[in-house]
N, C-alpha and C. Protein backbone atom coordinates (compact mmCIF):
# COMPACT_ATOMS: atom_id res chain seq x y z
N MET A 1 -10.18 6.20 5.91
CA MET A 1 -9.10 5.54 6.16
C MET A 1 -7.85 6.83 5.82
N ASN A 2 -7.34 6.61 4.24
CA ASN A 2 -6.03 7.23 3.91
C ASN A 2 -6.44 8.24 4.59
N CYS A 3 -7.68 9.09 6.00
CA CYS A 3 -6.48 9.93 6.23
C CYS A 3 -5.23 9.64 7.06
N LEU A 4 -5.75 8.10 7.15
CA LEU A 4 -4.81 7.87 8.55
C LEU A 4 -3.02 7.46 8.26
N GLU A 5 -3.86 7.60 6.56
CA GLU A 5 -2.21 6.82 6.08
C GLU A 5 -1.91 8.08 5.21
N ASN A 6 -2.50 9.37 5.29
CA ASN A 6 -1.26 10.81 5.62
C ASN A 6 -1.28 11.30 6.78
N LEU A 7 -1.41 10.83 7.70
CA LEU A 7 -1.41 11.94 9.15
C LEU A 7 0.25 11.28 9.32
N PRO A 8 0.52 10.26 9.31
CA PRO A 8 2.01 10.04 10.15
C PRO A 8 2.91 11.17 9.34
N VAL A 9 3.15 10.13 8.09
CA VAL A 9 3.95 10.37 6.94
C VAL A 9 4.17 12.34 6.55
N TYR A 10 2.81 12.94 6.98
CA TYR A 10 2.60 14.28 6.89
C TYR A 10 3.07 14.64 8.52
N ALA A 11 3.05 14.40 8.83
CA ALA A 11 3.49 15.11 10.66
C ALA A 11 5.18 14.26 11.15
N ALA A 12 5.54 13.42 10.11
CA ALA A 12 6.79 13.53 9.90
C ALA A 12 7.35 13.90 8.79
N ILE A 13 6.96 14.62 8.34
CA ILE A 13 7.69 15.78 7.01
C ILE A 13 7.34 17.31 7.88
N VAL A 14 6.94 16.98 8.77
CA VAL A 14 6.73 18.27 9.71
C VAL A 14 7.54 18.41 10.49
N LEU A 15 7.86 17.02 11.09
CA LEU A 15 8.73 17.25 12.79
C LEU A 15 10.17 17.54 11.66
N CYS A 16 10.16 15.88 10.46
CA CYS A 16 12.22 16.48 10.42
C CYS A 16 12.11 18.20 10.31
N ALA A 17 11.63 19.14 9.28
CA ALA A 17 11.26 20.05 8.51
C ALA A 17 11.72 21.05 9.77
N THR A 18 11.04 21.21 10.47
CA THR A 18 10.96 21.56 12.68
C THR A 18 12.12 21.12 12.73
N ALA A 19 12.86 20.15 12.57
CA ALA A 19 13.79 20.22 12.89
C ALA A 19 15.06 20.24 12.27
N ALA A 20 14.91 20.23 10.89
CA ALA A 20 15.86 21.10 10.23
C ALA A 20 15.86 22.70 10.84
N GLU A 21 14.65 23.38 10.60
CA GLU A 21 14.76 24.30 10.67
C GLU A 21 14.35 24.85 8.82
N VAL A 22 14.17 23.97 8.53
CA VAL A 22 13.46 24.64 6.81
C VAL A 22 12.14 25.24 7.37
N THR A 23 12.68 26.99 6.31
CA THR A 23 11.06 27.05 5.84
C THR A 23 11.42 28.48 4.70
N GLY A 24 10.13 28.35 4.47
CA GLY A 24 10.19 29.36 3.07
C GLY A 24 8.82 29.33 2.29
N ALA A 25 8.98 29.98 1.49
CA ALA A 25 7.40 30.41 0.53
C ALA A 25 7.09 28.98 0.36
N LEU A 26 7.76 27.54 -0.77
CA LEU A 26 7.84 27.11 -0.88
C LEU A 26 7.17 26.12 -0.45
N LEU A 27 8.09 26.16 1.27
CA LEU A 27 6.90 24.77 1.92
C LEU A 27 5.57 24.93 2.45
N SER A 28 5.72 26.57 2.80
CA SER A 28 4.88 27.05 3.25
C SER A 28 3.22 26.86 1.67
N GLY A 29 3.75 27.26 0.60
CA GLY A 29 2.33 26.54 0.19
C GLY A 29 2.55 25.89 -0.05
N LEU A 30 3.50 24.18 0.21
CA LEU A 30 2.58 22.69 0.01
C LEU A 30 2.06 22.85 0.84
N SER A 31 2.23 23.22 1.86
CA SER A 31 1.43 22.98 3.21
C SER A 31 -0.31 23.60 2.91
N LEU A 32 -0.35 25.23 2.55
CA LEU A 32 -0.96 24.71 2.16
C LEU A 32 -1.89 24.66 1.29
N ALA A 33 -1.49 23.65 0.65
CA ALA A 33 -2.12 23.14 -0.93
C ALA A 33 -2.72 21.41 -0.26
N PHE A 34 -1.68 21.39 0.22
CA PHE A 34 -1.67 19.12 1.15
C PHE A 34 -3.39 19.69 2.55
N LEU A 35 -3.52 20.95 2.80
CA LEU A 35 -4.47 21.29 3.41
C LEU A 35 -5.80 21.32 2.59
N ALA A 36 -5.54 22.31 2.16
CA ALA A 36 -6.50 22.65 0.78
C ALA A 36 -7.47 20.58 0.54
N ALA A 37 -6.64 20.62 -0.42
CA ALA A 37 -7.22 19.34 -1.33
C ALA A 37 -7.32 18.13 0.40
N ARG A 38 -6.58 18.52 0.66
CA ARG A 38 -7.08 16.82 2.56
C ARG A 38 -8.40 17.71 2.67
N LEU A 39 -9.36 19.09 2.90
CA LEU A 39 -10.46 19.12 2.82
C LEU A 39 -11.20 18.96 2.20
N PHE A 40 -10.62 19.74 0.24
CA PHE A 40 -11.71 19.73 -0.85
C PHE A 40 -12.38 18.19 -0.91
N GLN A 41 -10.95 16.76 -0.72
CA GLN A 41 -11.14 15.40 -0.74
C GLN A 41 -12.57 14.92 0.76
N THR A 42 -12.01 15.52 2.02
CA THR A 42 -13.31 15.55 3.15
C THR A 42 -14.36 15.31 2.96
N THR A 43 -14.29 16.93 1.72
CA THR A 43 -16.40 17.30 1.90
C THR A 43 -16.65 16.51 0.72
N THR A 44 -15.85 16.76 -0.68
CA THR A 44 -16.68 15.71 -1.74
C THR A 44 -17.17 14.52 -0.78
N HIS A 45 -15.84 13.45 -0.13
CA HIS A 45 -16.54 12.23 0.54
C HIS A 45 -18.15 12.23 1.18
N ILE A 46 -17.98 13.75 1.87
CA ILE A 46 -19.01 13.84 2.31
C ILE A 46 -20.02 14.31 1.87
N PHE A 47 -20.18 14.65 1.57
CA PHE A 47 -22.08 15.73 0.74
C PHE A 47 -21.33 15.04 -0.82
N PHE A 48 -21.56 14.04 -0.89
CA PHE A 48 -20.90 13.84 -3.35
C PHE A 48 -21.76 12.71 -2.53
N GLU A 49 -22.95 12.29 -3.41
CA GLU A 49 -23.28 11.07 -3.64
C GLU A 49 -22.36 9.72 -3.41
N GLN A 50 -21.72 8.53 -3.49
CA GLN A 50 -20.54 7.76 -4.08
C GLN A 50 -20.66 7.64 -5.58
N THR A 51 -20.17 8.03 -6.57
CA THR A 51 -19.92 7.26 -7.74
C THR A 51 -18.91 7.56 -8.03
N ASP A 52 -18.31 7.13 -9.23
CA ASP A 52 -17.39 6.23 -10.20
C ASP A 52 -16.21 8.25 -10.21
N ARG A 53 -17.69 9.15 -10.06
CA ARG A 53 -17.13 10.05 -10.75
C ARG A 53 -16.62 10.94 -9.54
N ALA A 54 -17.30 10.67 -8.81
CA ALA A 54 -17.46 11.50 -7.34
C ALA A 54 -15.92 11.20 -6.57
N ALA A 55 -15.68 9.10 -6.75
CA ALA A 55 -14.27 8.56 -6.91
C ALA A 55 -12.96 8.97 -7.58
N SER A 56 -13.12 9.98 -8.39
CA SER A 56 -12.28 10.57 -9.69
C SER A 56 -11.57 11.74 -9.20
N VAL A 57 -13.27 12.77 -8.21
CA VAL A 57 -12.40 13.72 -8.27
C VAL A 57 -12.08 12.96 -6.72
N ARG A 58 -12.21 12.50 -5.91
CA ARG A 58 -11.33 12.98 -5.55
C ARG A 58 -10.10 11.59 -5.28
N PHE A 59 -10.19 10.84 -5.04
CA PHE A 59 -7.89 10.39 -6.17
C PHE A 59 -7.46 11.48 -6.34
N GLY A 60 -8.77 12.92 -7.69
CA GLY A 60 -7.40 14.19 -7.98
C GLY A 60 -7.17 14.62 -6.50
N PHE A 61 -7.20 15.12 -5.25
CA PHE A 61 -7.48 15.80 -4.39
C PHE A 61 -6.47 15.14 -3.80
N PHE A 62 -6.68 13.48 -3.34
CA PHE A 62 -5.14 12.90 -2.56
C PHE A 62 -4.29 12.69 -3.63
N PHE A 63 -3.77 12.23 -4.88
CA PHE A 63 -3.24 12.84 -5.44
C PHE A 63 -2.26 14.00 -5.26
N ILE A 64 -3.21 15.70 -5.03
CA ILE A 64 -2.96 16.19 -5.03
C ILE A 64 -2.03 16.48 -4.12
N GLN A 65 -2.46 15.66 -2.40
CA GLN A 65 -1.76 15.32 -1.72
C GLN A 65 -0.37 14.55 -1.63
N VAL A 66 0.01 13.84 -1.88
CA VAL A 66 0.62 12.61 -2.40
C VAL A 66 1.67 13.81 -2.68
N VAL A 67 1.71 14.49 -3.90
CA VAL A 67 3.01 15.20 -4.35
C VAL A 67 3.26 15.79 -3.94
N CYS A 68 2.55 16.88 -2.56
CA CYS A 68 2.37 17.81 -2.30
C CYS A 68 4.01 17.37 -2.11
N MET A 69 3.26 15.92 -0.34
CA MET A 69 3.98 15.46 0.26
C MET A 69 5.45 14.77 -0.53
N LEU A 70 5.49 14.83 -1.15
CA LEU A 70 6.53 14.03 -2.22
C LEU A 70 7.47 15.06 -2.52
N ILE A 71 7.23 16.56 -2.43
CA ILE A 71 8.03 17.84 -2.82
C ILE A 71 8.35 18.35 -1.49
N MET A 72 7.72 18.26 -0.43
CA MET A 72 8.05 18.73 1.57
C MET A 72 9.43 18.22 1.21
N ALA A 73 9.31 16.72 1.04
CA ALA A 73 10.09 15.83 1.79
C ALA A 73 11.76 15.90 1.24
N GLY A 74 11.35 16.11 -0.07
CA GLY A 74 12.77 16.13 -1.36
C GLY A 74 13.00 17.20 -0.29
N ARG A 75 12.59 18.47 -0.72
CA ARG A 75 12.78 20.11 0.06
C ARG A 75 14.02 19.10 1.48
N VAL A 76 12.90 18.40 2.22
CA VAL A 76 13.63 18.92 3.11
C VAL A 76 14.75 17.82 3.30
N ALA A 77 14.67 16.92 2.84
CA ALA A 77 15.72 16.38 2.50
C ALA A 77 16.95 16.40 1.54
N LEU A 78 16.84 17.29 0.99
CA LEU A 78 17.60 18.17 -0.04
C LEU A 78 18.44 19.19 1.69
N PHE A 79 18.15 20.03 1.83
CA PHE A 79 17.82 21.34 2.47
C PHE A 79 19.31 20.99 3.45
N ALA A 80 19.06 19.59 4.10
CA ALA A 80 19.22 18.74 5.40
C ALA A 80 20.42 18.42 4.94
N ALA A 81 20.89 18.01 3.88
CA ALA A 81 22.49 17.11 2.79
C ALA A 81 23.71 18.16 2.83
N GLU A 82 22.43 19.81 2.26
CA GLU A 82 23.12 20.75 1.85
C GLU A 82 23.79 21.94 3.37
N HIS A 83 23.23 20.79 4.61
CA HIS A 83 23.50 21.27 5.86
C HIS A 83 24.37 20.60 6.95
N VAL A 84 25.03 19.67 6.86
CA VAL A 84 25.65 18.27 6.84
C VAL A 84 26.47 18.72 8.07
């Protein structure tokens, strides 16, 4: 379910970054961290018994994704504001 929740937000950030021509190591690194956290969250969900501990681990990876998206969105917004 949260894949459907995260994907549109991430896609919107990527679309805005592309439209504003925002590039850089920070954005690339955050994109890779987002992808890795998503893969680890999915792997944890699929391969481990669903206990409170597994849910906590999955939430940790989800939280990393949210933080990455917030920083990415902030970077895109700041870049766009500087180049208006």
